[in-house]
Amino acid sequence: MKEDQLQNLSRALTHLVYRNTLVEDLHAMDAKLDDATMKLINKEVNNRIYTLLKWYTSGNETEQKQVEDLVAFSSLYGKGSWDLAEELRLEDF
């Protein structure tokens, strides 16, 4: 994957998966999250998504394995206590 594609995908995922959720509502209402804090959180989420995508698509087996291990470990978090994911409609975005 080309660098500009990684950057665009990372920003899009950050926006679609994280920012346009209840987080934005908290940001908008009564300044629960001020602009500076929101910017720091957005940057961290975007950097993490970008890094995982870059490693996974790098063609480097070590980096790909790191992502696979992180996903396997992280998938255990909340297992049994989180609801199963549900597919959203396009309008939900």
PDB file of N, CA and C in Angstrom:
ATOM      1  N   MET A   1       0.847  -1.167   0.000  1.00  0.00           N
ATOM      2  CA  MET A   1       0.000   0.000   0.000  1.00  0.00           C
ATOM      3  C   MET A   1       0.897   1.236   0.000  1.00  0.00           C
ATOM      4  N   LYS A   2       0.535   2.212  -0.801  1.00  0.00           N
ATOM      5  CA  LYS A   2       1.331   3.432  -0.899  1.00  0.00           C
ATOM      6  C   LYS A   2       1.103   4.308   0.327  1.00  0.00           C
ATOM      7  N   GLU A   3       2.095   5.163   0.615  1.00  0.00           N
ATOM      8  CA  GLU A   3       2.054   6.030   1.788  1.00  0.00           C
ATOM      9  C   GLU A   3       0.792   6.894   1.821  1.00  0.00           C
ATOM     10  N   ASP A   4       0.440   7.519   0.705  1.00  0.00           N
ATOM     11  CA  ASP A   4      -0.741   8.385   0.713  1.00  0.00           C
ATOM     12  C   ASP A   4      -2.018   7.580   0.950  1.00  0.00           C
ATOM     13  N   GLN A   5      -2.057   6.335   0.480  1.00  0.00           N
ATOM     14  CA  GLN A   5      -3.211   5.480   0.736  1.00  0.00           C
ATOM     15  C   GLN A   5      -3.297   5.124   2.222  1.00  0.00           C
ATOM     16  N   LEU A   6      -2.148   4.820   2.838  1.00  0.00           N
ATOM     17  CA  LEU A   6      -2.115   4.532   4.276  1.00  0.00           C
ATOM     18  C   LEU A   6      -2.580   5.731   5.089  1.00  0.00           C
ATOM     19  N   GLN A   7      -2.079   6.902   4.731  1.00  0.00           N
ATOM     20  CA  GLN A   7      -2.471   8.124   5.445  1.00  0.00           C
ATOM     21  C   GLN A   7      -3.973   8.362   5.326  1.00  0.00           C
ATOM     22  N   ASN A   8      -4.517   8.240   4.113  1.00  0.00           N
ATOM     23  CA  ASN A   8      -5.945   8.459   3.892  1.00  0.00           C
ATOM     24  C   ASN A   8      -6.797   7.428   4.626  1.00  0.00           C
ATOM     25  N   LEU A   9      -6.399   6.158   4.555  1.00  0.00           N
ATOM     26  CA  LEU A   9      -7.147   5.098   5.216  1.00  0.00           C
ATOM     27  C   LEU A   9      -7.112   5.271   6.731  1.00  0.00           C
ATOM     28  N   SER A  10      -5.966   5.618   7.256  1.00  0.00           N
ATOM     29  CA  SER A  10      -5.831   5.828   8.692  1.00  0.00           C
ATOM     30  C   SER A  10      -6.738   6.959   9.168  1.00  0.00           C
ATOM     31  N   ARG A  11      -6.711   8.084   8.468  1.00  0.00           N
ATOM     32  CA  ARG A  11      -7.575   9.207   8.841  1.00  0.00           C
ATOM     33  C   ARG A  11      -9.048   8.841   8.720  1.00  0.00           C
ATOM     34  N   ALA A  12      -9.388   8.142   7.647  1.00  0.00           N
ATOM     35  CA  ALA A  12     -10.787   7.748   7.440  1.00  0.00           C
ATOM     36  C   ALA A  12     -11.261   6.813   8.548  1.00  0.00           C
ATOM     37  N   LEU A  13     -10.437   5.820   8.899  1.00  0.00           N
ATOM     38  CA  LEU A  13     -10.820   4.898   9.966  1.00  0.00           C
ATOM     39  C   LEU A  13     -10.936   5.617  11.308  1.00  0.00           C
ATOM     40  N   THR A  14     -10.004   6.521  11.583  1.00  0.00           N
ATOM     41  CA  THR A  14     -10.076   7.301  12.815  1.00  0.00           C
ATOM     42  C   THR A  14     -11.395   8.069  12.863  1.00  0.00           C
ATOM     43  N   HIS A  15     -11.728   8.692  11.766  1.00  0.00           N
ATOM     44  CA  HIS A  15     -12.937   9.503  11.674  1.00  0.00           C
ATOM     45  C   HIS A  15     -14.196   8.642  11.779  1.00  0.00           C
ATOM     46  N   LEU A  16     -14.241   7.559  10.996  1.00  0.00           N
ATOM     47  CA  LEU A  16     -15.444   6.732  10.918  1.00  0.00           C
ATOM     48  C   LEU A  16     -15.639   5.814  12.121  1.00  0.00           C
ATOM     49  N   VAL A  17     -14.545   5.301  12.656  1.00  0.00           N
ATOM     50  CA  VAL A  17     -14.637   4.295  13.713  1.00  0.00           C
ATOM     51  C   VAL A  17     -14.594   4.917  15.107  1.00  0.00           C
ATOM     52  N   TYR A  18     -13.911   6.023  15.232  1.00  0.00           N
ATOM     53  CA  TYR A  18     -13.713   6.595  16.562  1.00  0.00           C
ATOM     54  C   TYR A  18     -14.360   7.975  16.717  1.00  0.00           C
ATOM     55  N   ARG A  19     -13.969   8.908  15.886  1.00  0.00           N
ATOM     56  CA  ARG A  19     -14.343  10.296  16.126  1.00  0.00           C
ATOM     57  C   ARG A  19     -15.838  10.551  15.962  1.00  0.00           C
ATOM     58  N   ASN A  20     -16.461   9.976  14.965  1.00  0.00           N
ATOM     59  CA  ASN A  20     -17.889  10.199  14.738  1.00  0.00           C
ATOM     60  C   ASN A  20     -18.738   9.256  15.579  1.00  0.00           C
ATOM     61  N   THR A  21     -18.466   9.223  16.850  1.00  0.00           N
ATOM     62  CA  THR A  21     -19.187   8.364  17.783  1.00  0.00           C
ATOM     63  C   THR A  21     -19.608   9.219  18.972  1.00  0.00           C
ATOM     64  N   LEU A  22     -19.847   8.596  20.074  1.00  0.00           N
ATOM     65  CA  LEU A  22     -20.180   9.329  21.293  1.00  0.00           C
ATOM     66  C   LEU A  22     -19.067  10.279  21.708  1.00  0.00           C
ATOM     67  N   VAL A  23     -17.855  10.002  21.249  1.00  0.00           N
ATOM     68  CA  VAL A  23     -16.727  10.885  21.568  1.00  0.00           C
ATOM     69  C   VAL A  23     -17.006  12.294  21.054  1.00  0.00           C
ATOM     70  N   GLU A  24     -17.536  12.405  19.847  1.00  0.00           N
ATOM     71  CA  GLU A  24     -17.854  13.723  19.287  1.00  0.00           C
ATOM     72  C   GLU A  24     -18.962  14.391  20.095  1.00  0.00           C
ATOM     73  N   ASP A  25     -19.925  13.611  20.543  1.00  0.00           N
ATOM     74  CA  ASP A  25     -20.991  14.169  21.379  1.00  0.00           C
ATOM     75  C   ASP A  25     -20.416  14.740  22.675  1.00  0.00           C
ATOM     76  N   LEU A  26     -19.495  14.005  23.293  1.00  0.00           N
ATOM     77  CA  LEU A  26     -18.851  14.498  24.518  1.00  0.00           C
ATOM     78  C   LEU A  26     -18.061  15.777  24.241  1.00  0.00           C
ATOM     79  N   HIS A  27     -17.427  15.818  23.099  1.00  0.00           N
ATOM     80  CA  HIS A  27     -16.647  16.990  22.711  1.00  0.00           C
ATOM     81  C   HIS A  27     -17.567  18.204  22.523  1.00  0.00           C
ATOM     82  N   ALA A  28     -18.710  17.968  21.921  1.00  0.00           N
ATOM     83  CA  ALA A  28     -19.616  19.062  21.586  1.00  0.00           C
ATOM     84  C   ALA A  28     -20.407  19.580  22.782  1.00  0.00           C
ATOM     85  N   MET A  29     -20.720  18.707  23.730  1.00  0.00           N
ATOM     86  CA  MET A  29     -21.590  19.137  24.828  1.00  0.00           C
ATOM     87  C   MET A  29     -20.799  19.596  26.046  1.00  0.00           C
ATOM     88  N   ASP A  30     -21.057  20.789  26.440  1.00  0.00           N
ATOM     89  CA  ASP A  30     -20.502  21.339  27.677  1.00  0.00           C
ATOM     90  C   ASP A  30     -18.993  21.183  27.798  1.00  0.00           C
ATOM     91  N   ALA A  31     -18.285  21.111  26.700  1.00  0.00           N
ATOM     92  CA  ALA A  31     -16.818  21.055  26.691  1.00  0.00           C
ATOM     93  C   ALA A  31     -16.266  19.962  27.601  1.00  0.00           C
ATOM     94  N   LYS A  32     -16.918  18.792  27.597  1.00  0.00           N
ATOM     95  CA  LYS A  32     -16.396  17.667  28.383  1.00  0.00           C
ATOM     96  C   LYS A  32     -14.994  17.302  27.891  1.00  0.00           C
ATOM     97  N   LEU A  33     -14.789  17.453  26.592  1.00  0.00           N
ATOM     98  CA  LEU A  33     -13.463  17.284  25.995  1.00  0.00           C
ATOM     99  C   LEU A  33     -13.152  18.580  25.260  1.00  0.00           C
ATOM    100  N   ASP A  34     -12.206  19.345  25.760  1.00  0.00           N
ATOM    101  CA  ASP A  34     -11.880  20.599  25.087  1.00  0.00           C
ATOM    102  C   ASP A  34     -11.152  20.324  23.779  1.00  0.00           C
ATOM    103  N   ASP A  35     -11.012  21.343  22.956  1.00  0.00           N
ATOM    104  CA  ASP A  35     -10.414  21.184  21.626  1.00  0.00           C
ATOM    105  C   ASP A  35      -8.999  20.614  21.689  1.00  0.00           C
ATOM    106  N   ALA A  36      -8.201  21.087  22.632  1.00  0.00           N
ATOM    107  CA  ALA A  36      -6.809  20.621  22.736  1.00  0.00           C
ATOM    108  C   ALA A  36      -6.748  19.139  23.093  1.00  0.00           C
ATOM    109  N   THR A  37      -7.594  18.716  24.038  1.00  0.00           N
ATOM    110  CA  THR A  37      -7.624  17.306  24.423  1.00  0.00           C
ATOM    111  C   THR A  37      -8.132  16.451  23.271  1.00  0.00           C
ATOM    112  N   MET A  38      -9.179  16.925  22.598  1.00  0.00           N
ATOM    113  CA  MET A  38      -9.732  16.189  21.464  1.00  0.00           C
ATOM    114  C   MET A  38      -8.677  16.013  20.371  1.00  0.00           C
ATOM    115  N   LYS A  39      -7.899  17.048  20.126  1.00  0.00           N
ATOM    116  CA  LYS A  39      -6.852  16.976  19.108  1.00  0.00           C
ATOM    117  C   LYS A  39      -5.790  15.942  19.489  1.00  0.00           C
ATOM    118  N   LEU A  40      -5.392  15.911  20.764  1.00  0.00           N
ATOM    119  CA  LEU A  40      -4.407  14.926  21.223  1.00  0.00           C
ATOM    120  C   LEU A  40      -4.935  13.490  21.074  1.00  0.00           C
ATOM    121  N   ILE A  41      -6.187  13.280  21.450  1.00  0.00           N
ATOM    122  CA  ILE A  41      -6.777  11.942  21.333  1.00  0.00           C
ATOM    123  C   ILE A  41      -6.876  11.535  19.869  1.00  0.00           C
ATOM    124  N   ASN A  42      -7.357  12.435  19.010  1.00  0.00           N
ATOM    125  CA  ASN A  42      -7.471  12.126  17.581  1.00  0.00           C
ATOM    126  C   ASN A  42      -6.117  11.738  16.994  1.00  0.00           C
ATOM    127  N   LYS A  43      -5.084  12.482  17.358  1.00  0.00           N
ATOM    128  CA  LYS A  43      -3.743  12.201  16.832  1.00  0.00           C
ATOM    129  C   LYS A  43      -3.247  10.835  17.296  1.00  0.00           C
ATOM    130  N   GLU A  44      -3.444  10.510  18.571  1.00  0.00           N
ATOM    131  CA  GLU A  44      -2.994   9.216  19.074  1.00  0.00           C
ATOM    132  C   GLU A  44      -3.725   8.064  18.390  1.00  0.00           C
ATOM    133  N   VAL A  45      -5.033   8.185  18.248  1.00  0.00           N
ATOM    134  CA  VAL A  45      -5.810   7.131  17.585  1.00  0.00           C
ATOM    135  C   VAL A  45      -5.362   6.985  16.135  1.00  0.00           C
ATOM    136  N   ASN A  46      -5.217   8.110  15.438  1.00  0.00           N
ATOM    137  CA  ASN A  46      -4.793   8.070  14.040  1.00  0.00           C
ATOM    138  C   ASN A  46      -3.401   7.456  13.904  1.00  0.00           C
ATOM    139  N   ASN A  47      -2.472   7.825  14.778  1.00  0.00           N
ATOM    140  CA  ASN A  47      -1.112   7.272  14.728  1.00  0.00           C
ATOM    141  C   ASN A  47      -1.108   5.765  14.968  1.00  0.00           C
ATOM    142  N   ARG A  48      -1.939   5.308  15.897  1.00  0.00           N
ATOM    143  CA  ARG A  48      -2.003   3.870  16.186  1.00  0.00           C
ATOM    144  C   ARG A  48      -2.580   3.092  15.010  1.00  0.00           C
ATOM    145  N   ILE A  49      -3.653   3.608  14.428  1.00  0.00           N
ATOM    146  CA  ILE A  49      -4.252   2.943  13.267  1.00  0.00           C
ATOM    147  C   ILE A  49      -3.255   2.933  12.111  1.00  0.00           C
ATOM    148  N   TYR A  50      -2.637   4.069  11.851  1.00  0.00           N
ATOM    149  CA  TYR A  50      -1.654   4.177  10.770  1.00  0.00           C
ATOM    150  C   TYR A  50      -0.525   3.162  10.951  1.00  0.00           C
ATOM    151  N   THR A  51       0.014   3.091  12.158  1.00  0.00           N
ATOM    152  CA  THR A  51       1.141   2.192  12.424  1.00  0.00           C
ATOM    153  C   THR A  51       0.747   0.735  12.199  1.00  0.00           C
ATOM    154  N   LEU A  52      -0.404   0.328  12.721  1.00  0.00           N
ATOM    155  CA  LEU A  52      -0.855  -1.055  12.527  1.00  0.00           C
ATOM    156  C   LEU A  52      -1.075  -1.370  11.051  1.00  0.00           C
ATOM    157  N   LEU A  53      -1.692  -0.436  10.327  1.00  0.00           N
ATOM    158  CA  LEU A  53      -1.902  -0.649   8.890  1.00  0.00           C
ATOM    159  C   LEU A  53      -0.572  -0.730   8.140  1.00  0.00           C
ATOM    160  N   LYS A  54       0.339   0.159   8.490  1.00  0.00           N
ATOM    161  CA  LYS A  54       1.640   0.187   7.813  1.00  0.00           C
ATOM    162  C   LYS A  54       2.396  -1.114   8.059  1.00  0.00           C
ATOM    163  N   TRP A  55       2.432  -1.551   9.311  1.00  0.00           N
ATOM    164  CA  TRP A  55       3.119  -2.810   9.624  1.00  0.00           C
ATOM    165  C   TRP A  55       2.459  -3.978   8.906  1.00  0.00           C
ATOM    166  N   TYR A  56       1.140  -4.023   8.925  1.00  0.00           N
ATOM    167  CA  TYR A  56       0.431  -5.173   8.359  1.00  0.00           C
ATOM    168  C   TYR A  56       0.580  -5.263   6.848  1.00  0.00           C
ATOM    169  N   THR A  57       0.699  -4.119   6.187  1.00  0.00           N
ATOM    170  CA  THR A  57       0.808  -4.105   4.730  1.00  0.00           C
ATOM    171  C   THR A  57       2.244  -3.954   4.236  1.00  0.00           C
ATOM    172  N   SER A  58       3.215  -4.007   5.147  1.00  0.00           N
ATOM    173  CA  SER A  58       4.614  -3.710   4.797  1.00  0.00           C
ATOM    174  C   SER A  58       5.289  -4.792   3.958  1.00  0.00           C
ATOM    175  N   GLY A  59       4.787  -6.012   4.037  1.00  0.00           N
ATOM    176  CA  GLY A  59       5.476  -7.121   3.395  1.00  0.00           C
ATOM    177  C   GLY A  59       6.571  -7.695   4.276  1.00  0.00           C
ATOM    178  N   ASN A  60       6.806  -7.071   5.426  1.00  0.00           N
ATOM    179  CA  ASN A  60       7.810  -7.530   6.379  1.00  0.00           C
ATOM    180  C   ASN A  60       7.140  -8.533   7.322  1.00  0.00           C
ATOM    181  N   GLU A  61       7.595  -9.775   7.292  1.00  0.00           N
ATOM    182  CA  GLU A  61       6.951 -10.824   8.081  1.00  0.00           C
ATOM    183  C   GLU A  61       6.974 -10.544   9.577  1.00  0.00           C
ATOM    184  N   THR A  62       8.063  -9.953  10.070  1.00  0.00           N
ATOM    185  CA  THR A  62       8.161  -9.638  11.497  1.00  0.00           C
ATOM    186  C   THR A  62       7.102  -8.611  11.893  1.00  0.00           C
ATOM    187  N   GLU A  63       6.963  -7.545  11.091  1.00  0.00           N
ATOM    188  CA  GLU A  63       5.968  -6.516  11.392  1.00  0.00           C
ATOM    189  C   GLU A  63       4.555  -7.076  11.278  1.00  0.00           C
ATOM    190  N   GLN A  64       4.316  -7.902  10.262  1.00  0.00           N
ATOM    191  CA  GLN A  64       2.984  -8.500  10.100  1.00  0.00           C
ATOM    192  C   GLN A  64       2.644  -9.398  11.292  1.00  0.00           C
ATOM    193  N   LYS A  65       3.619 -10.148  11.763  1.00  0.00           N
ATOM    194  CA  LYS A  65       3.429 -11.025  12.914  1.00  0.00           C
ATOM    195  C   LYS A  65       3.143 -10.203  14.176  1.00  0.00           C
ATOM    196  N   GLN A  66       3.826  -9.054  14.309  1.00  0.00           N
ATOM    197  CA  GLN A  66       3.571  -8.177  15.455  1.00  0.00           C
ATOM    198  C   GLN A  66       2.109  -7.737  15.476  1.00  0.00           C
ATOM    199  N   VAL A  67       1.592  -7.358  14.323  1.00  0.00           N
ATOM    200  CA  VAL A  67       0.189  -6.929  14.243  1.00  0.00           C
ATOM    201  C   VAL A  67      -0.734  -8.094  14.565  1.00  0.00           C
ATOM    202  N   GLU A  68      -0.458  -9.250  13.993  1.00  0.00           N
ATOM    203  CA  GLU A  68      -1.290 -10.422  14.261  1.00  0.00           C
ATOM    204  C   GLU A  68      -1.296 -10.761  15.751  1.00  0.00           C
ATOM    205  N   ASP A  69      -0.132 -10.668  16.401  1.00  0.00           N
ATOM    206  CA  ASP A  69      -0.047 -10.939  17.837  1.00  0.00           C
ATOM    207  C   ASP A  69      -0.813  -9.897  18.650  1.00  0.00           C
ATOM    208  N   LEU A  70      -0.681  -8.625  18.269  1.00  0.00           N
ATOM    209  CA  LEU A  70      -1.403  -7.566  18.965  1.00  0.00           C
ATOM    210  C   LEU A  70      -2.918  -7.745  18.824  1.00  0.00           C
ATOM    211  N   VAL A  71      -3.365  -8.091  17.626  1.00  0.00           N
ATOM    212  CA  VAL A  71      -4.790  -8.301  17.392  1.00  0.00           C
ATOM    213  C   VAL A  71      -5.284  -9.508  18.189  1.00  0.00           C
ATOM    214  N   ALA A  72      -4.517 -10.587  18.183  1.00  0.00           N
ATOM    215  CA  ALA A  72      -4.914 -11.778  18.930  1.00  0.00           C
ATOM    216  C   ALA A  72      -5.023 -11.467  20.420  1.00  0.00           C
ATOM    217  N   PHE A  73      -4.044 -10.748  20.949  1.00  0.00           N
ATOM    218  CA  PHE A  73      -4.064 -10.395  22.362  1.00  0.00           C
ATOM    219  C   PHE A  73      -5.213  -9.437  22.670  1.00  0.00           C
ATOM    220  N   SER A  74      -5.357  -8.400  21.841  1.00  0.00           N
ATOM    221  CA  SER A  74      -6.379  -7.380  22.085  1.00  0.00           C
ATOM    222  C   SER A  74      -7.786  -7.931  21.932  1.00  0.00           C
ATOM    223  N   SER A  75      -7.953  -8.963  21.123  1.00  0.00           N
ATOM    224  CA  SER A  75      -9.284  -9.538  20.924  1.00  0.00           C
ATOM    225  C   SER A  75      -9.776 -10.238  22.185  1.00  0.00           C
ATOM    226  N   LEU A  76      -8.876 -10.531  23.106  1.00  0.00           N
ATOM    227  CA  LEU A  76      -9.263 -11.148  24.365  1.00  0.00           C
ATOM    228  C   LEU A  76      -9.886 -10.129  25.327  1.00  0.00           C
ATOM    229  N   TYR A  77      -9.569  -8.851  25.121  1.00  0.00           N
ATOM    230  CA  TYR A  77     -10.066  -7.801  26.008  1.00  0.00           C
ATOM    231  C   TYR A  77     -11.584  -7.698  25.881  1.00  0.00           C
ATOM    232  N   GLY A  78     -12.252  -7.772  26.972  1.00  0.00           N
ATOM    233  CA  GLY A  78     -13.697  -7.644  26.981  1.00  0.00           C
ATOM    234  C   GLY A  78     -14.439  -8.884  26.540  1.00  0.00           C
ATOM    235  N   LYS A  79     -13.702  -9.935  26.183  1.00  0.00           N
ATOM    236  CA  LYS A  79     -14.355 -11.149  25.717  1.00  0.00           C
ATOM    237  C   LYS A  79     -15.247 -11.687  26.830  1.00  0.00           C
ATOM    238  N   GLY A  80     -16.489 -11.897  26.504  1.00  0.00           N
ATOM    239  CA  GLY A  80     -17.429 -12.376  27.486  1.00  0.00           C
ATOM    240  C   GLY A  80     -18.216 -11.255  28.149  1.00  0.00           C
ATOM    241  N   SER A  81     -17.630 -10.057  28.242  1.00  0.00           N
ATOM    242  CA  SER A  81     -18.347  -8.949  28.864  1.00  0.00           C
ATOM    243  C   SER A  81     -18.798  -7.895  27.848  1.00  0.00           C
ATOM    244  N   TRP A  82     -18.194  -7.897  26.660  1.00  0.00           N
ATOM    245  CA  TRP A  82     -18.619  -6.966  25.613  1.00  0.00           C
ATOM    246  C   TRP A  82     -19.690  -7.627  24.768  1.00  0.00           C
ATOM    247  N   ASP A  83     -20.624  -6.822  24.275  1.00  0.00           N
ATOM    248  CA  ASP A  83     -21.590  -7.333  23.311  1.00  0.00           C
ATOM    249  C   ASP A  83     -20.872  -7.634  22.011  1.00  0.00           C
ATOM    250  N   LEU A  84     -21.404  -8.576  21.241  1.00  0.00           N
ATOM    251  CA  LEU A  84     -20.850  -8.839  19.922  1.00  0.00           C
ATOM    252  C   LEU A  84     -21.052  -7.619  19.033  1.00  0.00           C
ATOM    253  N   ALA A  85     -20.133  -7.400  18.128  1.00  0.00           N
ATOM    254  CA  ALA A  85     -20.242  -6.279  17.197  1.00  0.00           C
ATOM    255  C   ALA A  85     -21.436  -6.485  16.282  1.00  0.00           C
ATOM    256  N   GLU A  86     -22.050  -5.393  15.895  1.00  0.00           N
ATOM    257  CA  GLU A  86     -23.181  -5.421  14.977  1.00  0.00           C
ATOM    258  C   GLU A  86     -22.856  -4.580  13.762  1.00  0.00           C
ATOM    259  N   GLU A  87     -23.305  -5.021  12.613  1.00  0.00           N
ATOM    260  CA  GLU A  87     -23.085  -4.258  11.387  1.00  0.00           C
ATOM    261  C   GLU A  87     -23.997  -3.038  11.390  1.00  0.00           C
ATOM    262  N   LEU A  88     -23.423  -1.894  11.065  1.00  0.00           N
ATOM    263  CA  LEU A  88     -24.183  -0.648  11.011  1.00  0.00           C
ATOM    264  C   LEU A  88     -24.706  -0.432   9.604  1.00  0.00           C
ATOM    265  N   ARG A  89     -25.635   0.501   9.493  1.00  0.00           N
ATOM    266  CA  ARG A  89     -26.123   0.920   8.172  1.00  0.00           C
ATOM    267  C   ARG A  89     -25.254   2.074   7.699  1.00  0.00           C
ATOM    268  N   LEU A  90     -25.241   2.318   6.433  1.00  0.00           N
ATOM    269  CA  LEU A  90     -24.466   3.435   5.875  1.00  0.00           C
ATOM    270  C   LEU A  90     -24.873   4.747   6.531  1.00  0.00           C
ATOM    271  N   GLU A  91     -26.149   4.916   6.820  1.00  0.00           N
ATOM    272  CA  GLU A  91     -26.638   6.147   7.431  1.00  0.00           C
ATOM    273  C   GLU A  91     -26.039   6.397   8.822  1.00  0.00           C
ATOM    274  N   ASP A  92     -25.567   5.343   9.474  1.00  0.00           N
ATOM    275  CA  ASP A  92     -24.998   5.487  10.807  1.00  0.00           C
ATOM    276  C   ASP A  92     -23.653   6.194  10.793  1.00  0.00           C
ATOM    277  N   PHE A  93     -23.062   6.326   9.623  1.00  0.00           N
ATOM    278  CA  PHE A  93     -21.775   6.999   9.507  1.00  0.00           C
ATOM    279  C   PHE A  93     -21.980   8.456   9.180  1.00  0.00           C
TER     280      PHE A  93
END
